[in-house]
Amino acid sequence: MSSRRGRESSRTNISDEQITQLLSTLRQLLPEIPHSHSRKASSAAEVLKQTCNYIKTLHREVDDLSDRLSQLLATIDADSAEAAIIRSLLI
């Protein structure tokens, strides 16, 4: 079993360069992350923390929009123009 773990872990090792590339990409994509490259260790932890927070925020927004859409659909006639527009947006 230990030899299997050794082989698996060697396949999943991530190089410092890959981590740097990932952090750089996250900094570019996420609006809350400042574009500072100093203090790599704390910066990496902060980037990952901000990434998780941003994903949680996006999940909350999607849930809120889903609730609003459900409420809207419940209040309009299924054969109305508004319902047709909403269906077209969902497809």
PDB file of N, CA and C in Angstrom:
ATOM      1  N   MET A   1       0.817  -1.193   0.000  1.00  0.00           N
ATOM      2  CA  MET A   1       0.000   0.000   0.000  1.00  0.00           C
ATOM      3  C   MET A   1       0.862   1.258   0.000  1.00  0.00           C
ATOM      4  N   SER A   2       1.985   1.230   0.743  1.00  0.00           N
ATOM      5  CA  SER A   2       2.811   2.435   0.792  1.00  0.00           C
ATOM      6  C   SER A   2       3.445   2.733  -0.563  1.00  0.00           C
ATOM      7  N   SER A   3       3.785   1.692  -1.350  1.00  0.00           N
ATOM      8  CA  SER A   3       4.342   1.968  -2.671  1.00  0.00           C
ATOM      9  C   SER A   3       3.298   2.602  -3.577  1.00  0.00           C
ATOM     10  N   ARG A   4       2.038   2.217  -3.396  1.00  0.00           N
ATOM     11  CA  ARG A   4       0.969   2.840  -4.181  1.00  0.00           C
ATOM     12  C   ARG A   4       0.842   4.321  -3.827  1.00  0.00           C
ATOM     13  N   ARG A   5       0.881   4.616  -2.540  1.00  0.00           N
ATOM     14  CA  ARG A   5       0.807   6.018  -2.114  1.00  0.00           C
ATOM     15  C   ARG A   5       1.955   6.820  -2.691  1.00  0.00           C
ATOM     16  N   GLY A   6       3.134   6.228  -2.701  1.00  0.00           N
ATOM     17  CA  GLY A   6       4.296   6.925  -3.245  1.00  0.00           C
ATOM     18  C   GLY A   6       4.117   7.258  -4.705  1.00  0.00           C
ATOM     19  N   ARG A   7       3.586   6.310  -5.477  1.00  0.00           N
ATOM     20  CA  ARG A   7       3.350   6.559  -6.898  1.00  0.00           C
ATOM     21  C   ARG A   7       2.270   7.612  -7.097  1.00  0.00           C
ATOM     22  N   GLU A   8       1.198   7.550  -6.297  1.00  0.00           N
ATOM     23  CA  GLU A   8       0.110   8.523  -6.438  1.00  0.00           C
ATOM     24  C   GLU A   8       0.577   9.912  -6.069  1.00  0.00           C
ATOM     25  N   SER A   9       1.329  10.030  -4.985  1.00  0.00           N
ATOM     26  CA  SER A   9       1.758  11.359  -4.570  1.00  0.00           C
ATOM     27  C   SER A   9       2.744  11.954  -5.565  1.00  0.00           C
ATOM     28  N   SER A  10       3.571  11.111  -6.204  1.00  0.00           N
ATOM     29  CA  SER A  10       4.509  11.658  -7.176  1.00  0.00           C
ATOM     30  C   SER A  10       3.779  12.177  -8.408  1.00  0.00           C
ATOM     31  N   ARG A  11       2.620  11.612  -8.710  1.00  0.00           N
ATOM     32  CA  ARG A  11       1.832  12.092  -9.845  1.00  0.00           C
ATOM     33  C   ARG A  11       1.107  13.387  -9.522  1.00  0.00           C
ATOM     34  N   THR A  12       0.838  13.634  -8.252  1.00  0.00           N
ATOM     35  CA  THR A  12       0.051  14.803  -7.881  1.00  0.00           C
ATOM     36  C   THR A  12       0.914  15.947  -7.355  1.00  0.00           C
ATOM     37  N   ASN A  13       2.229  15.789  -7.369  1.00  0.00           N
ATOM     38  CA  ASN A  13       3.090  16.884  -6.925  1.00  0.00           C
ATOM     39  C   ASN A  13       2.914  18.065  -7.857  1.00  0.00           C
ATOM     40  N   ILE A  14       2.778  19.207  -7.252  1.00  0.00           N
ATOM     41  CA  ILE A  14       2.607  20.439  -8.022  1.00  0.00           C
ATOM     42  C   ILE A  14       3.878  21.259  -7.852  1.00  0.00           C
ATOM     43  N   SER A  15       4.409  21.711  -8.951  1.00  0.00           N
ATOM     44  CA  SER A  15       5.650  22.476  -8.898  1.00  0.00           C
ATOM     45  C   SER A  15       5.379  23.904  -8.416  1.00  0.00           C
ATOM     46  N   ASP A  16       6.435  24.525  -7.950  1.00  0.00           N
ATOM     47  CA  ASP A  16       6.329  25.926  -7.529  1.00  0.00           C
ATOM     48  C   ASP A  16       5.889  26.802  -8.697  1.00  0.00           C
ATOM     49  N   GLU A  17       6.363  26.456  -9.889  1.00  0.00           N
ATOM     50  CA  GLU A  17       5.988  27.233 -11.071  1.00  0.00           C
ATOM     51  C   GLU A  17       4.484  27.122 -11.345  1.00  0.00           C
ATOM     52  N   GLN A  18       3.921  25.921 -11.177  1.00  0.00           N
ATOM     53  CA  GLN A  18       2.488  25.740 -11.388  1.00  0.00           C
ATOM     54  C   GLN A  18       1.681  26.519 -10.356  1.00  0.00           C
ATOM     55  N   ILE A  19       2.139  26.522  -9.129  1.00  0.00           N
ATOM     56  CA  ILE A  19       1.458  27.285  -8.082  1.00  0.00           C
ATOM     57  C   ILE A  19       1.510  28.775  -8.400  1.00  0.00           C
ATOM     58  N   THR A  20       2.667  29.247  -8.833  1.00  0.00           N
ATOM     59  CA  THR A  20       2.818  30.658  -9.197  1.00  0.00           C
ATOM     60  C   THR A  20       1.890  31.022 -10.347  1.00  0.00           C
ATOM     61  N   GLN A  21       1.794  30.133 -11.341  1.00  0.00           N
ATOM     62  CA  GLN A  21       0.908  30.382 -12.476  1.00  0.00           C
ATOM     63  C   GLN A  21      -0.552  30.418 -12.027  1.00  0.00           C
ATOM     64  N   LEU A  22      -0.940  29.494 -11.165  1.00  0.00           N
ATOM     65  CA  LEU A  22      -2.310  29.470 -10.657  1.00  0.00           C
ATOM     66  C   LEU A  22      -2.628  30.751  -9.898  1.00  0.00           C
ATOM     67  N   LEU A  23      -1.736  31.166  -9.024  1.00  0.00           N
ATOM     68  CA  LEU A  23      -1.958  32.390  -8.253  1.00  0.00           C
ATOM     69  C   LEU A  23      -2.041  33.607  -9.166  1.00  0.00           C
ATOM     70  N   SER A  24      -1.206  33.646 -10.170  1.00  0.00           N
ATOM     71  CA  SER A  24      -1.237  34.758 -11.118  1.00  0.00           C
ATOM     72  C   SER A  24      -2.575  34.794 -11.854  1.00  0.00           C
ATOM     73  N   THR A  25      -3.049  33.631 -12.282  1.00  0.00           N
ATOM     74  CA  THR A  25      -4.330  33.556 -12.979  1.00  0.00           C
ATOM     75  C   THR A  25      -5.473  33.981 -12.065  1.00  0.00           C
ATOM     76  N   LEU A  26      -5.450  33.516 -10.823  1.00  0.00           N
ATOM     77  CA  LEU A  26      -6.507  33.896  -9.872  1.00  0.00           C
ATOM     78  C   LEU A  26      -6.496  35.397  -9.618  1.00  0.00           C
ATOM     79  N   ARG A  27      -5.315  35.960  -9.486  1.00  0.00           N
ATOM     80  CA  ARG A  27      -5.219  37.417  -9.273  1.00  0.00           C
ATOM     81  C   ARG A  27      -5.850  38.180 -10.433  1.00  0.00           C
ATOM     82  N   GLN A  28      -5.671  37.680 -11.640  1.00  0.00           N
ATOM     83  CA  GLN A  28      -6.219  38.351 -12.819  1.00  0.00           C
ATOM     84  C   GLN A  28      -7.732  38.194 -12.912  1.00  0.00           C
ATOM     85  N   LEU A  29      -8.250  37.058 -12.480  1.00  0.00           N
ATOM     86  CA  LEU A  29      -9.663  36.751 -12.656  1.00  0.00           C
ATOM     87  C   LEU A  29     -10.566  37.281 -11.556  1.00  0.00           C
ATOM     88  N   LEU A  30     -10.054  37.370 -10.353  1.00  0.00           N
ATOM     89  CA  LEU A  30     -10.900  37.733  -9.229  1.00  0.00           C
ATOM     90  C   LEU A  30     -10.772  39.209  -8.885  1.00  0.00           C
ATOM     91  N   PRO A  31     -11.918  39.890  -8.839  1.00  0.00           N
ATOM     92  CA  PRO A  31     -11.883  41.344  -8.640  1.00  0.00           C
ATOM     93  C   PRO A  31     -11.401  41.793  -7.267  1.00  0.00           C
ATOM     94  N   GLU A  32     -11.576  40.974  -6.240  1.00  0.00           N
ATOM     95  CA  GLU A  32     -11.220  41.409  -4.891  1.00  0.00           C
ATOM     96  C   GLU A  32      -9.747  41.289  -4.574  1.00  0.00           C
ATOM     97  N   ILE A  33      -8.984  40.615  -5.410  1.00  0.00           N
ATOM     98  CA  ILE A  33      -7.592  40.347  -5.094  1.00  0.00           C
ATOM     99  C   ILE A  33      -6.705  41.467  -5.630  1.00  0.00           C
ATOM    100  N   PRO A  34      -5.965  42.105  -4.729  1.00  0.00           N
ATOM    101  CA  PRO A  34      -5.036  43.136  -5.187  1.00  0.00           C
ATOM    102  C   PRO A  34      -3.915  42.516  -6.014  1.00  0.00           C
ATOM    103  N   HIS A  35      -3.364  43.273  -6.919  1.00  0.00           N
ATOM    104  CA  HIS A  35      -2.335  42.768  -7.820  1.00  0.00           C
ATOM    105  C   HIS A  35      -0.943  43.003  -7.243  1.00  0.00           C
ATOM    106  N   SER A  36      -0.741  42.487  -6.043  1.00  0.00           N
ATOM    107  CA  SER A  36       0.552  42.620  -5.394  1.00  0.00           C
ATOM    108  C   SER A  36       1.291  41.290  -5.473  1.00  0.00           C
ATOM    109  N   HIS A  37       2.575  41.322  -5.737  1.00  0.00           N
ATOM    110  CA  HIS A  37       3.347  40.093  -5.859  1.00  0.00           C
ATOM    111  C   HIS A  37       4.351  39.953  -4.717  1.00  0.00           C
ATOM    112  N   SER A  38       4.257  40.772  -3.693  1.00  0.00           N
ATOM    113  CA  SER A  38       5.200  40.685  -2.588  1.00  0.00           C
ATOM    114  C   SER A  38       4.715  39.660  -1.566  1.00  0.00           C
ATOM    115  N   ARG A  39       5.636  39.191  -0.764  1.00  0.00           N
ATOM    116  CA  ARG A  39       5.345  38.223   0.292  1.00  0.00           C
ATOM    117  C   ARG A  39       4.571  37.027  -0.255  1.00  0.00           C
ATOM    118  N   LYS A  40       5.249  36.193  -1.032  1.00  0.00           N
ATOM    119  CA  LYS A  40       4.599  35.107  -1.753  1.00  0.00           C
ATOM    120  C   LYS A  40       3.804  34.172  -0.843  1.00  0.00           C
ATOM    121  N   ALA A  41       4.341  33.771   0.307  1.00  0.00           N
ATOM    122  CA  ALA A  41       3.650  32.793   1.156  1.00  0.00           C
ATOM    123  C   ALA A  41       2.341  33.358   1.690  1.00  0.00           C
ATOM    124  N   SER A  42       2.389  34.526   2.302  1.00  0.00           N
ATOM    125  CA  SER A  42       1.150  35.112   2.821  1.00  0.00           C
ATOM    126  C   SER A  42       0.250  35.553   1.672  1.00  0.00           C
ATOM    127  N   SER A  43       0.847  35.980   0.582  1.00  0.00           N
ATOM    128  CA  SER A  43       0.074  36.379  -0.570  1.00  0.00           C
ATOM    129  C   SER A  43      -0.694  35.183  -1.135  1.00  0.00           C
ATOM    130  N   ALA A  44      -0.046  34.036  -1.211  1.00  0.00           N
ATOM    131  CA  ALA A  44      -0.706  32.830  -1.718  1.00  0.00           C
ATOM    132  C   ALA A  44      -1.878  32.455  -0.832  1.00  0.00           C
ATOM    133  N   ALA A  45      -1.684  32.505   0.469  1.00  0.00           N
ATOM    134  CA  ALA A  45      -2.765  32.181   1.398  1.00  0.00           C
ATOM    135  C   ALA A  45      -3.910  33.172   1.248  1.00  0.00           C
ATOM    136  N   GLU A  46      -3.579  34.425   1.081  1.00  0.00           N
ATOM    137  CA  GLU A  46      -4.611  35.451   0.919  1.00  0.00           C
ATOM    138  C   GLU A  46      -5.363  35.276  -0.399  1.00  0.00           C
ATOM    139  N   VAL A  47      -4.640  34.943  -1.463  1.00  0.00           N
ATOM    140  CA  VAL A  47      -5.292  34.719  -2.757  1.00  0.00           C
ATOM    141  C   VAL A  47      -6.266  33.558  -2.652  1.00  0.00           C
ATOM    142  N   LEU A  48      -5.847  32.470  -2.022  1.00  0.00           N
ATOM    143  CA  LEU A  48      -6.732  31.311  -1.874  1.00  0.00           C
ATOM    144  C   LEU A  48      -7.934  31.635  -0.985  1.00  0.00           C
ATOM    145  N   LYS A  49      -7.718  32.388   0.060  1.00  0.00           N
ATOM    146  CA  LYS A  49      -8.820  32.794   0.936  1.00  0.00           C
ATOM    147  C   LYS A  49      -9.819  33.659   0.171  1.00  0.00           C
ATOM    148  N   GLN A  50      -9.307  34.635  -0.571  1.00  0.00           N
ATOM    149  CA  GLN A  50     -10.173  35.512  -1.355  1.00  0.00           C
ATOM    150  C   GLN A  50     -10.909  34.733  -2.445  1.00  0.00           C
ATOM    151  N   THR A  51     -10.236  33.743  -3.037  1.00  0.00           N
ATOM    152  CA  THR A  51     -10.874  32.910  -4.054  1.00  0.00           C
ATOM    153  C   THR A  51     -12.060  32.157  -3.459  1.00  0.00           C
ATOM    154  N   CYS A  52     -11.855  31.554  -2.307  1.00  0.00           N
ATOM    155  CA  CYS A  52     -12.949  30.835  -1.633  1.00  0.00           C
ATOM    156  C   CYS A  52     -14.092  31.779  -1.282  1.00  0.00           C
ATOM    157  N   ASN A  53     -13.769  32.949  -0.770  1.00  0.00           N
ATOM    158  CA  ASN A  53     -14.806  33.924  -0.435  1.00  0.00           C
ATOM    159  C   ASN A  53     -15.586  34.354  -1.674  1.00  0.00           C
ATOM    160  N   TYR A  54     -14.881  34.548  -2.778  1.00  0.00           N
ATOM    161  CA  TYR A  54     -15.533  34.958  -4.016  1.00  0.00           C
ATOM    162  C   TYR A  54     -16.471  33.868  -4.526  1.00  0.00           C
ATOM    163  N   ILE A  55     -16.032  32.620  -4.461  1.00  0.00           N
ATOM    164  CA  ILE A  55     -16.878  31.502  -4.896  1.00  0.00           C
ATOM    165  C   ILE A  55     -18.116  31.409  -4.014  1.00  0.00           C
ATOM    166  N   LYS A  56     -17.962  31.588  -2.708  1.00  0.00           N
ATOM    167  CA  LYS A  56     -19.116  31.576  -1.799  1.00  0.00           C
ATOM    168  C   LYS A  56     -20.090  32.704  -2.150  1.00  0.00           C
ATOM    169  N   THR A  57     -19.556  33.879  -2.465  1.00  0.00           N
ATOM    170  CA  THR A  57     -20.398  35.007  -2.853  1.00  0.00           C
ATOM    171  C   THR A  57     -21.165  34.696  -4.136  1.00  0.00           C
ATOM    172  N   LEU A  58     -20.485  34.103  -5.097  1.00  0.00           N
ATOM    173  CA  LEU A  58     -21.154  33.726  -6.344  1.00  0.00           C
ATOM    174  C   LEU A  58     -22.256  32.705  -6.097  1.00  0.00           C
ATOM    175  N   HIS A  59     -22.016  31.744  -5.224  1.00  0.00           N
ATOM    176  CA  HIS A  59     -23.052  30.755  -4.884  1.00  0.00           C
ATOM    177  C   HIS A  59     -24.269  31.437  -4.265  1.00  0.00           C
ATOM    178  N   ARG A  60     -24.029  32.379  -3.357  1.00  0.00           N
ATOM    179  CA  ARG A  60     -25.151  33.098  -2.740  1.00  0.00           C
ATOM    180  C   ARG A  60     -25.931  33.880  -3.785  1.00  0.00           C
ATOM    181  N   GLU A  61     -25.225  34.528  -4.704  1.00  0.00           N
ATOM    182  CA  GLU A  61     -25.892  35.298  -5.759  1.00  0.00           C
ATOM    183  C   GLU A  61     -26.734  34.388  -6.654  1.00  0.00           C
ATOM    184  N   VAL A  62     -26.195  33.228  -6.996  1.00  0.00           N
ATOM    185  CA  VAL A  62     -26.946  32.281  -7.825  1.00  0.00           C
ATOM    186  C   VAL A  62     -28.189  31.804  -7.076  1.00  0.00           C
ATOM    187  N   ASP A  63     -28.044  31.490  -5.805  1.00  0.00           N
ATOM    188  CA  ASP A  63     -29.204  31.071  -5.007  1.00  0.00           C
ATOM    189  C   ASP A  63     -30.263  32.169  -4.947  1.00  0.00           C
ATOM    190  N   ASP A  64     -29.824  33.403  -4.732  1.00  0.00           N
ATOM    191  CA  ASP A  64     -30.764  34.526  -4.677  1.00  0.00           C
ATOM    192  C   ASP A  64     -31.476  34.719  -6.017  1.00  0.00           C
ATOM    193  N   LEU A  65     -30.717  34.643  -7.103  1.00  0.00           N
ATOM    194  CA  LEU A  65     -31.331  34.790  -8.424  1.00  0.00           C
ATOM    195  C   LEU A  65     -32.295  33.649  -8.725  1.00  0.00           C
ATOM    196  N   SER A  66     -31.954  32.462  -8.296  1.00  0.00           N
ATOM    197  CA  SER A  66     -32.839  31.314  -8.489  1.00  0.00           C
ATOM    198  C   SER A  66     -34.152  31.519  -7.730  1.00  0.00           C
ATOM    199  N   ASP A  67     -34.049  31.995  -6.494  1.00  0.00           N
ATOM    200  CA  ASP A  67     -35.254  32.278  -5.704  1.00  0.00           C
ATOM    201  C   ASP A  67     -36.102  33.354  -6.363  1.00  0.00           C
ATOM    202  N   ARG A  68     -35.458  34.419  -6.817  1.00  0.00           N
ATOM    203  CA  ARG A  68     -36.203  35.508  -7.472  1.00  0.00           C
ATOM    204  C   ARG A  68     -36.877  35.023  -8.744  1.00  0.00           C
ATOM    205  N   LEU A  69     -36.175  34.212  -9.509  1.00  0.00           N
ATOM    206  CA  LEU A  69     -36.740  33.679 -10.739  1.00  0.00           C
ATOM    207  C   LEU A  69     -37.926  32.765 -10.446  1.00  0.00           C
ATOM    208  N   SER A  70     -37.819  31.941  -9.426  1.00  0.00           N
ATOM    209  CA  SER A  70     -38.926  31.068  -9.040  1.00  0.00           C
ATOM    210  C   SER A  70     -40.151  31.885  -8.627  1.00  0.00           C
ATOM    211  N   GLN A  71     -39.907  32.938  -7.861  1.00  0.00           N
ATOM    212  CA  GLN A  71     -41.012  33.807  -7.448  1.00  0.00           C
ATOM    213  C   GLN A  71     -41.648  34.480  -8.654  1.00  0.00           C
ATOM    214  N   LEU A  72     -40.830  34.943  -9.566  1.00  0.00           N
ATOM    215  CA  LEU A  72     -41.339  35.603 -10.762  1.00  0.00           C
ATOM    216  C   LEU A  72     -42.170  34.633 -11.603  1.00  0.00           C
ATOM    217  N   LEU A  73     -41.656  33.442 -11.802  1.00  0.00           N
ATOM    218  CA  LEU A  73     -42.383  32.452 -12.593  1.00  0.00           C
ATOM    219  C   LEU A  73     -43.702  32.047 -11.929  1.00  0.00           C
ATOM    220  N   ALA A  74     -43.733  32.070 -10.620  1.00  0.00           N
ATOM    221  CA  ALA A  74     -44.950  31.700  -9.896  1.00  0.00           C
ATOM    222  C   ALA A  74     -46.039  32.768 -10.029  1.00  0.00           C
ATOM    223  N   THR A  75     -45.627  34.001 -10.350  1.00  0.00           N
ATOM    224  CA  THR A  75     -46.602  35.091 -10.387  1.00  0.00           C
ATOM    225  C   THR A  75     -47.069  35.453 -11.789  1.00  0.00           C
ATOM    226  N   ILE A  76     -46.490  34.854 -12.823  1.00  0.00           N
ATOM    227  CA  ILE A  76     -46.897  35.213 -14.181  1.00  0.00           C
ATOM    228  C   ILE A  76     -47.602  34.042 -14.855  1.00  0.00           C
ATOM    229  N   ASP A  77     -48.386  34.376 -15.830  1.00  0.00           N
ATOM    230  CA  ASP A  77     -49.098  33.374 -16.620  1.00  0.00           C
ATOM    231  C   ASP A  77     -48.097  32.598 -17.464  1.00  0.00           C
ATOM    232  N   ALA A  78     -48.183  31.270 -17.447  1.00  0.00           N
ATOM    233  CA  ALA A  78     -47.239  30.414 -18.161  1.00  0.00           C
ATOM    234  C   ALA A  78     -47.265  30.649 -19.663  1.00  0.00           C
ATOM    235  N   ASP A  79     -48.374  31.163 -20.193  1.00  0.00           N
ATOM    236  CA  ASP A  79     -48.484  31.395 -21.632  1.00  0.00           C
ATOM    237  C   ASP A  79     -48.193  32.843 -22.024  1.00  0.00           C
ATOM    238  N   SER A  80     -47.773  33.657 -21.067  1.00  0.00           N
ATOM    239  CA  SER A  80     -47.547  35.073 -21.352  1.00  0.00           C
ATOM    240  C   SER A  80     -46.224  35.302 -22.073  1.00  0.00           C
ATOM    241  N   ALA A  81     -46.091  36.511 -22.606  1.00  0.00           N
ATOM    242  CA  ALA A  81     -44.847  36.896 -23.284  1.00  0.00           C
ATOM    243  C   ALA A  81     -43.677  36.906 -22.300  1.00  0.00           C
ATOM    244  N   GLU A  82     -43.943  37.322 -21.063  1.00  0.00           N
ATOM    245  CA  GLU A  82     -42.886  37.350 -20.049  1.00  0.00           C
ATOM    246  C   GLU A  82     -42.361  35.944 -19.780  1.00  0.00           C
ATOM    247  N   ALA A  83     -43.267  34.982 -19.683  1.00  0.00           N
ATOM    248  CA  ALA A  83     -42.855  33.601 -19.437  1.00  0.00           C
ATOM    249  C   ALA A  83     -42.043  33.070 -20.616  1.00  0.00           C
ATOM    250  N   ALA A  84     -42.432  33.435 -21.825  1.00  0.00           N
ATOM    251  CA  ALA A  84     -41.704  33.002 -23.014  1.00  0.00           C
ATOM    252  C   ALA A  84     -40.283  33.577 -23.023  1.00  0.00           C
ATOM    253  N   ILE A  85     -40.152  34.821 -22.612  1.00  0.00           N
ATOM    254  CA  ILE A  85     -38.816  35.464 -22.536  1.00  0.00           C
ATOM    255  C   ILE A  85     -37.953  34.753 -21.516  1.00  0.00           C
ATOM    256  N   ILE A  86     -38.515  34.467 -20.364  1.00  0.00           N
ATOM    257  CA  ILE A  86     -37.744  33.779 -19.307  1.00  0.00           C
ATOM    258  C   ILE A  86     -37.327  32.394 -19.778  1.00  0.00           C
ATOM    259  N   ARG A  87     -38.259  31.671 -20.420  1.00  0.00           N
ATOM    260  CA  ARG A  87     -37.902  30.342 -20.936  1.00  0.00           C
ATOM    261  C   ARG A  87     -36.785  30.440 -21.971  1.00  0.00           C
ATOM    262  N   SER A  88     -36.833  31.443 -22.830  1.00  0.00           N
ATOM    263  CA  SER A  88     -35.789  31.587 -23.849  1.00  0.00           C
ATOM    264  C   SER A  88     -34.429  31.893 -23.224  1.00  0.00           C
ATOM    265  N   LEU A  89     -34.423  32.605 -22.119  1.00  0.00           N
ATOM    266  CA  LEU A  89     -33.167  32.896 -21.431  1.00  0.00           C
ATOM    267  C   LEU A  89     -32.592  31.672 -20.748  1.00  0.00           C
ATOM    268  N   LEU A  90     -33.444  30.773 -20.336  1.00  0.00           N
ATOM    269  CA  LEU A  90     -32.988  29.577 -19.636  1.00  0.00           C
ATOM    270  C   LEU A  90     -32.506  28.484 -20.561  1.00  0.00           C
ATOM    271  N   ILE A  91     -32.851  28.592 -21.827  1.00  0.00           N
ATOM    272  CA  ILE A  91     -32.459  27.538 -22.771  1.00  0.00           C
ATOM    273  C   ILE A  91     -31.070  27.773 -23.310  1.00  0.00           C
TER     274      ILE A  91
END
